[in-house]
N, C-alpha and C. Protein backbone atom coordinates (compact mmCIF):
# COMPACT_ATOMS: atom_id res chain seq x y z
N UNK A 1 34.15 16.74 122.89
CA UNK A 1 34.78 17.00 121.68
C UNK A 1 33.79 17.94 120.82
N UNK A 2 34.42 18.87 120.16
CA UNK A 2 33.79 19.60 119.19
C UNK A 2 33.09 18.92 118.19
N UNK A 3 31.98 19.35 117.46
CA UNK A 3 31.36 18.53 116.54
C UNK A 3 32.20 18.11 115.35
N UNK A 4 33.00 19.03 114.85
CA UNK A 4 33.84 19.00 113.72
C UNK A 4 35.03 17.87 113.98
N UNK A 5 35.26 17.46 115.27
CA UNK A 5 36.30 16.66 115.46
C UNK A 5 36.43 15.32 114.95
N UNK A 6 37.64 14.54 115.16
CA UNK A 6 37.48 13.45 114.77
C UNK A 6 36.51 12.27 115.18
N UNK A 7 35.78 12.66 116.27
CA UNK A 7 34.82 11.43 116.85
C UNK A 7 33.56 11.50 115.96
N UNK A 8 33.43 12.57 115.14
CA UNK A 8 32.17 12.47 114.30
C UNK A 8 32.19 11.29 113.21
N UNK A 9 33.33 11.34 112.50
CA UNK A 9 33.43 10.29 111.67
C UNK A 9 33.31 8.73 112.21
N UNK A 10 33.95 8.70 113.36
CA UNK A 10 33.85 7.32 114.08
C UNK A 10 32.46 6.99 114.43
N UNK A 11 31.66 8.22 114.80
CA UNK A 11 30.19 7.81 115.28
C UNK A 11 29.52 7.53 113.89
N UNK A 12 29.99 8.18 112.80
CA UNK A 12 29.23 7.94 111.49
C UNK A 12 29.32 6.41 111.07
N UNK A 13 30.79 5.99 111.23
CA UNK A 13 30.92 4.59 110.83
C UNK A 13 30.25 3.50 111.77
N UNK A 14 29.94 3.81 113.13
CA UNK A 14 29.28 2.97 114.06
C UNK A 14 27.58 3.01 113.79
N UNK A 15 27.21 4.14 113.32
CA UNK A 15 25.85 4.29 112.93
C UNK A 15 25.58 3.49 111.59
N UNK A 16 26.56 3.87 110.75
CA UNK A 16 26.39 3.20 109.45
C UNK A 16 26.44 1.62 109.53
N UNK A 17 27.31 1.18 110.37
CA UNK A 17 27.27 -0.36 110.52
C UNK A 17 26.02 -0.86 110.97
N UNK A 18 25.42 -0.28 112.01
CA UNK A 18 24.15 -0.74 112.62
C UNK A 18 23.03 -0.52 111.56
N UNK A 19 22.92 0.50 110.70
CA UNK A 19 21.86 0.69 109.82
C UNK A 19 22.09 -0.22 108.59
N UNK A 20 23.51 -0.39 108.25
CA UNK A 20 23.76 -1.47 107.07
C UNK A 20 23.29 -2.83 107.53
N UNK A 21 23.59 -3.22 108.75
CA UNK A 21 23.14 -4.48 109.22
C UNK A 21 21.57 -4.74 109.16
N UNK A 22 20.89 -3.73 109.51
CA UNK A 22 19.45 -3.78 109.48
C UNK A 22 18.96 -3.87 108.04
N UNK A 23 19.60 -2.99 107.18
CA UNK A 23 19.29 -2.92 105.74
C UNK A 23 19.45 -4.31 105.03
N UNK A 24 20.90 -5.01 105.39
CA UNK A 24 21.24 -6.27 104.91
C UNK A 24 20.18 -7.35 105.43
N UNK A 25 19.92 -7.28 106.73
CA UNK A 25 19.05 -8.27 107.26
C UNK A 25 17.72 -8.29 106.50
N UNK A 26 17.19 -7.13 106.19
CA UNK A 26 16.05 -7.02 105.55
C UNK A 26 16.07 -7.58 104.00
N UNK A 27 17.20 -7.12 103.57
CA UNK A 27 17.30 -7.57 102.16
C UNK A 27 17.46 -9.15 102.11
N UNK A 28 18.21 -9.76 103.01
CA UNK A 28 18.39 -11.11 103.10
C UNK A 28 17.07 -11.77 103.19
N UNK A 29 16.29 -11.35 104.15
CA UNK A 29 14.92 -11.86 104.54
C UNK A 29 13.99 -11.85 103.25
N UNK A 30 14.00 -10.73 102.52
CA UNK A 30 13.13 -10.42 101.36
C UNK A 30 13.72 -11.53 100.07
N UNK A 31 15.12 -11.83 100.03
CA UNK A 31 15.47 -12.57 98.97
C UNK A 31 15.58 -14.06 99.43
N UNK A 32 15.78 -14.35 100.51
CA UNK A 32 16.01 -15.78 100.88
C UNK A 32 14.66 -16.50 101.68
N UNK A 33 14.23 -15.69 102.34
CA UNK A 33 12.92 -16.24 103.09
C UNK A 33 11.68 -16.05 102.23
N UNK A 34 11.40 -14.68 102.03
CA UNK A 34 10.26 -14.53 101.21
C UNK A 34 10.28 -14.76 99.87
N UNK A 35 11.39 -14.88 99.31
CA UNK A 35 11.95 -15.24 97.87
C UNK A 35 11.40 -14.27 96.95
N UNK A 36 11.58 -13.13 97.25
CA UNK A 36 11.26 -11.98 96.31
C UNK A 36 12.07 -12.28 95.07
N UNK A 37 11.79 -12.18 93.83
CA UNK A 37 12.54 -12.55 92.78
C UNK A 37 13.66 -11.45 92.22
N UNK A 38 13.34 -10.18 92.52
CA UNK A 38 14.05 -9.22 92.10
C UNK A 38 14.91 -8.52 93.18
N UNK A 39 16.23 -8.72 92.99
CA UNK A 39 17.15 -8.11 94.07
C UNK A 39 16.94 -6.58 94.19
N UNK A 40 16.93 -5.90 93.09
CA UNK A 40 16.80 -4.55 92.97
C UNK A 40 15.71 -4.12 93.77
N UNK A 41 14.55 -4.56 93.69
CA UNK A 41 13.28 -4.19 94.22
C UNK A 41 13.48 -4.55 95.63
N UNK A 42 14.02 -5.60 96.14
CA UNK A 42 14.11 -6.25 97.48
C UNK A 42 15.04 -5.20 98.15
N UNK A 43 16.05 -4.76 97.43
CA UNK A 43 17.08 -3.71 98.14
C UNK A 43 16.49 -2.33 98.37
N UNK A 44 15.60 -2.10 97.54
CA UNK A 44 15.06 -0.68 97.62
C UNK A 44 14.02 -0.85 98.75
N UNK A 45 13.36 -1.88 98.93
CA UNK A 45 12.30 -1.99 100.05
C UNK A 45 13.26 -2.18 101.30
N UNK A 46 14.16 -2.97 101.44
CA UNK A 46 14.97 -3.00 102.75
C UNK A 46 15.74 -1.77 103.06
N UNK A 47 16.06 -1.07 102.27
CA UNK A 47 16.57 0.22 102.47
C UNK A 47 15.76 1.23 103.34
N UNK A 48 14.45 1.08 103.24
CA UNK A 48 13.84 1.77 104.15
C UNK A 48 14.02 1.41 105.59
N UNK A 49 14.27 0.27 106.09
CA UNK A 49 14.48 0.07 107.42
C UNK A 49 16.10 0.52 107.81
N UNK A 50 16.74 0.43 107.00
CA UNK A 50 18.17 1.01 107.03
C UNK A 50 18.26 2.57 107.28
N UNK A 51 17.37 3.11 106.46
CA UNK A 51 17.36 4.68 106.28
C UNK A 51 16.63 5.11 107.70
N UNK A 52 15.61 4.44 108.12
CA UNK A 52 14.99 5.01 109.40
C UNK A 52 16.05 4.71 110.57
N UNK A 53 16.82 3.74 110.66
CA UNK A 53 17.87 3.53 111.64
C UNK A 53 18.88 4.41 111.51
N UNK A 54 19.39 4.81 110.24
CA UNK A 54 20.40 5.92 109.89
C UNK A 54 19.99 7.21 110.51
N UNK A 55 18.81 7.58 110.40
CA UNK A 55 18.25 8.91 110.66
C UNK A 55 18.26 9.01 112.11
N UNK A 56 17.66 8.10 112.75
CA UNK A 56 17.81 8.15 114.29
C UNK A 56 19.07 8.25 114.84
N UNK A 57 20.04 7.38 114.21
CA UNK A 57 21.39 7.55 114.72
C UNK A 57 22.02 8.73 114.40
N UNK A 58 21.83 9.10 113.23
CA UNK A 58 22.49 10.49 112.64
C UNK A 58 22.18 11.59 113.54
N UNK A 59 20.68 11.71 113.81
CA UNK A 59 20.21 12.89 114.53
C UNK A 59 20.64 12.88 115.96
N UNK A 60 20.55 11.59 116.60
CA UNK A 60 20.89 11.65 118.07
C UNK A 60 22.32 11.19 118.36
N UNK A 61 23.14 10.72 117.51
CA UNK A 61 24.40 10.09 117.90
C UNK A 61 25.51 10.79 117.02
N UNK A 62 25.39 10.91 115.57
CA UNK A 62 26.50 11.25 114.87
C UNK A 62 26.50 12.91 114.74
N UNK A 63 25.49 13.60 114.47
CA UNK A 63 25.47 14.91 114.17
C UNK A 63 24.66 15.64 115.40
N UNK A 64 24.80 15.29 116.43
CA UNK A 64 23.92 15.57 117.67
C UNK A 64 23.98 17.04 117.93
N UNK A 65 25.01 17.73 117.69
CA UNK A 65 25.08 19.18 118.13
C UNK A 65 24.11 20.02 117.27
N UNK A 66 23.60 19.54 116.23
CA UNK A 66 22.83 20.13 115.19
C UNK A 66 21.28 19.83 115.48
N UNK A 67 20.79 20.79 116.33
CA UNK A 67 19.30 20.40 116.78
C UNK A 67 18.29 21.45 116.13
N UNK A 68 18.08 21.16 114.82
CA UNK A 68 17.03 21.83 114.15
C UNK A 68 15.73 21.20 114.50
N UNK A 69 14.47 21.75 114.05
CA UNK A 69 13.27 21.04 114.21
C UNK A 69 13.27 19.69 113.33
N UNK A 70 12.58 18.68 113.93
CA UNK A 70 12.71 17.40 113.23
C UNK A 70 12.35 17.28 111.82
N UNK A 71 11.28 17.99 111.52
CA UNK A 71 10.60 17.83 110.25
C UNK A 71 11.54 18.48 109.06
N UNK A 72 12.30 19.47 109.39
CA UNK A 72 13.12 19.93 108.36
C UNK A 72 14.20 19.00 108.10
N UNK A 73 14.90 18.40 109.14
CA UNK A 73 15.99 17.49 109.17
C UNK A 73 15.47 16.16 108.30
N UNK A 74 14.31 15.85 108.80
CA UNK A 74 13.75 14.32 108.19
C UNK A 74 13.45 14.52 106.82
N UNK A 75 12.97 15.72 106.44
CA UNK A 75 12.62 15.91 104.91
C UNK A 75 14.01 15.79 103.99
N UNK A 76 14.90 16.70 104.60
CA UNK A 76 16.34 16.57 103.82
C UNK A 76 16.83 15.18 103.80
N UNK A 77 16.75 14.53 104.99
CA UNK A 77 17.43 13.30 105.14
C UNK A 77 16.70 12.24 104.24
N UNK A 78 15.53 12.05 104.23
CA UNK A 78 14.71 11.23 103.42
C UNK A 78 14.96 11.50 101.93
N UNK A 79 15.00 12.87 101.62
CA UNK A 79 15.31 13.14 100.03
C UNK A 79 16.77 12.49 99.61
N UNK A 80 17.69 12.78 100.60
CA UNK A 80 19.20 12.29 100.25
C UNK A 80 19.22 10.65 100.33
N UNK A 81 18.48 10.10 101.33
CA UNK A 81 18.63 8.56 101.30
C UNK A 81 17.68 7.91 100.18
N UNK A 82 16.57 8.70 99.84
CA UNK A 82 15.94 8.05 98.71
C UNK A 82 16.75 8.05 97.47
N UNK A 83 17.34 9.21 97.30
CA UNK A 83 18.28 9.10 95.96
C UNK A 83 19.40 8.11 96.30
N UNK A 84 20.04 7.98 97.39
CA UNK A 84 21.01 6.99 97.42
C UNK A 84 20.65 5.54 97.36
N UNK A 85 19.30 5.35 97.86
CA UNK A 85 18.86 4.10 97.88
C UNK A 85 18.26 3.68 96.30
N UNK A 86 17.99 4.50 95.58
CA UNK A 86 17.68 4.33 94.18
C UNK A 86 18.83 4.18 93.47
N UNK A 87 19.89 4.64 93.76
CA UNK A 87 21.26 4.50 93.02
C UNK A 87 21.64 3.00 93.35
N UNK A 88 21.60 2.77 94.77
CA UNK A 88 21.93 1.34 95.15
C UNK A 88 21.04 0.32 94.56
N UNK A 89 19.84 0.56 94.51
CA UNK A 89 18.88 -0.34 94.01
C UNK A 89 19.14 -0.56 92.33
N UNK A 90 19.58 0.54 91.71
CA UNK A 90 19.84 0.38 90.31
C UNK A 90 21.18 -0.43 90.19
N UNK A 91 22.04 -0.13 91.03
CA UNK A 91 23.37 -0.91 90.98
C UNK A 91 23.14 -2.34 91.12
N UNK A 92 22.23 -2.73 92.24
CA UNK A 92 22.11 -4.30 92.33
C UNK A 92 21.15 -4.80 91.26
N UNK A 93 20.32 -4.03 90.60
CA UNK A 93 19.70 -4.51 89.44
C UNK A 93 20.55 -4.89 88.32
N UNK A 94 21.63 -3.90 88.19
CA UNK A 94 22.49 -4.24 87.20
C UNK A 94 23.45 -5.39 87.47
N UNK A 95 23.84 -5.38 88.82
CA UNK A 95 24.90 -6.45 89.36
C UNK A 95 24.33 -7.81 89.27
N UNK A 96 23.03 -7.78 89.90
CA UNK A 96 22.41 -9.24 90.18
C UNK A 96 21.53 -9.71 89.18
N UNK A 97 20.61 -8.77 88.92
CA UNK A 97 19.36 -9.14 87.89
C UNK A 97 19.80 -9.25 86.51
N UNK A 98 20.74 -8.40 86.02
CA UNK A 98 21.25 -8.41 84.64
C UNK A 98 22.42 -9.26 84.55
N UNK A 99 23.44 -9.00 85.32
CA UNK A 99 24.64 -9.72 85.22
C UNK A 99 24.65 -11.06 85.82
N UNK A 100 23.73 -11.23 86.63
CA UNK A 100 23.51 -12.66 87.36
C UNK A 100 24.70 -12.95 88.39
N UNK A 101 25.20 -11.91 88.96
CA UNK A 101 26.21 -12.18 89.94
C UNK A 101 25.64 -12.11 91.35
N UNK A 102 26.14 -12.64 92.38
CA UNK A 102 25.90 -12.85 93.66
C UNK A 102 25.52 -11.45 94.28
N UNK A 103 24.26 -11.27 94.96
CA UNK A 103 23.88 -9.97 95.49
C UNK A 103 24.82 -9.41 96.54
N UNK A 104 25.55 -10.24 97.30
CA UNK A 104 26.26 -9.97 98.50
C UNK A 104 27.40 -8.93 98.14
N UNK A 105 28.41 -9.45 97.31
CA UNK A 105 29.33 -8.44 96.76
C UNK A 105 28.84 -7.29 96.15
N UNK A 106 27.90 -7.37 95.39
CA UNK A 106 27.08 -6.15 94.73
C UNK A 106 26.46 -5.28 95.89
N UNK A 107 25.96 -5.71 96.96
CA UNK A 107 25.49 -5.01 98.09
C UNK A 107 26.62 -4.15 98.70
N UNK A 108 27.86 -4.83 98.94
CA UNK A 108 28.86 -4.18 99.60
C UNK A 108 29.55 -3.08 98.60
N UNK A 109 29.63 -3.39 97.46
CA UNK A 109 30.11 -2.34 96.53
C UNK A 109 29.06 -1.10 96.46
N UNK A 110 27.84 -1.36 96.52
CA UNK A 110 26.86 -0.31 96.56
C UNK A 110 26.93 0.55 97.83
N UNK A 111 27.19 -0.31 98.99
CA UNK A 111 27.40 0.44 100.26
C UNK A 111 28.54 1.32 100.33
N UNK A 112 29.65 0.81 99.67
CA UNK A 112 30.65 1.85 99.59
C UNK A 112 30.58 3.03 98.95
N UNK A 113 29.81 2.84 97.83
CA UNK A 113 29.40 4.25 97.07
C UNK A 113 28.57 4.98 97.86
N UNK A 114 27.63 4.35 98.45
CA UNK A 114 26.45 5.06 99.23
C UNK A 114 27.11 5.88 100.57
N UNK A 115 28.06 5.26 101.15
CA UNK A 115 28.64 5.85 102.35
C UNK A 115 29.18 7.12 102.08
N UNK A 116 29.83 7.33 101.07
CA UNK A 116 30.48 8.70 100.63
C UNK A 116 29.37 9.77 100.64
N UNK A 117 28.42 9.37 99.76
CA UNK A 117 27.30 10.44 99.65
C UNK A 117 26.45 10.57 100.96
N UNK A 118 26.40 9.70 101.81
CA UNK A 118 25.56 9.67 103.01
C UNK A 118 26.45 10.66 104.10
N UNK A 119 27.65 10.41 104.14
CA UNK A 119 28.52 11.30 105.16
C UNK A 119 28.53 12.58 104.67
N UNK A 120 28.87 13.02 103.42
CA UNK A 120 28.95 14.53 103.03
C UNK A 120 27.59 15.11 102.86
N UNK A 121 26.68 14.35 102.41
CA UNK A 121 25.19 14.86 102.48
C UNK A 121 24.68 15.23 103.84
N UNK A 122 24.94 14.19 104.63
CA UNK A 122 24.47 14.52 105.90
C UNK A 122 25.07 15.75 106.73
N UNK A 123 26.45 15.89 106.42
CA UNK A 123 27.16 16.90 107.28
C UNK A 123 26.98 18.08 106.53
N UNK A 124 26.88 18.20 105.17
CA UNK A 124 26.66 19.58 104.40
C UNK A 124 25.37 19.94 104.23
N UNK A 125 24.56 19.04 104.26
CA UNK A 125 22.97 19.39 103.68
C UNK A 125 22.03 19.23 104.96
N UNK A 126 21.96 17.83 105.30
CA UNK A 126 20.88 17.46 106.35
C UNK A 126 21.13 18.11 107.60
N UNK A 127 22.20 17.90 108.23
CA UNK A 127 22.42 18.33 109.65
C UNK A 127 23.39 19.47 109.72
N UNK A 128 23.51 20.31 108.73
CA UNK A 128 24.39 21.59 108.95
C UNK A 128 23.46 22.72 109.38
N UNK A 129 24.09 23.59 110.12
CA UNK A 129 23.16 24.69 110.69
C UNK A 129 22.46 25.44 109.53
N UNK A 130 21.35 25.87 109.67
CA UNK A 130 20.65 26.51 108.76
C UNK A 130 20.81 28.11 109.18
N UNK A 131 21.12 28.80 108.21
CA UNK A 131 21.25 30.37 108.66
C UNK A 131 20.31 31.26 107.93
């Protein structure tokens, strides 16, 4: 199927679920096992694992037709995902640390917001053909 077809969003969802599971697993580990006190900081740290998994999946599975040199895509991807991770970290700080609400629903709300930025940022900026 062509890259712009309906299969790309489906691949994005699969890749996102795997990356989110890694991110959430690390977040849970930091909060529940390591017992880090700040959910916002734990989320920001855990995002690194999810971001790495997301890049590998995006490059080789979701946007596979766009084969630029690795460093160009990697630098744009990390810039996009760093911004998204900081937004989600700030969200969890407000939700959990200030409002004292359970981090799990806050995480899911943050993921929903992050998903929109990740798909369009990946498609339009990170993995779009450079002319």
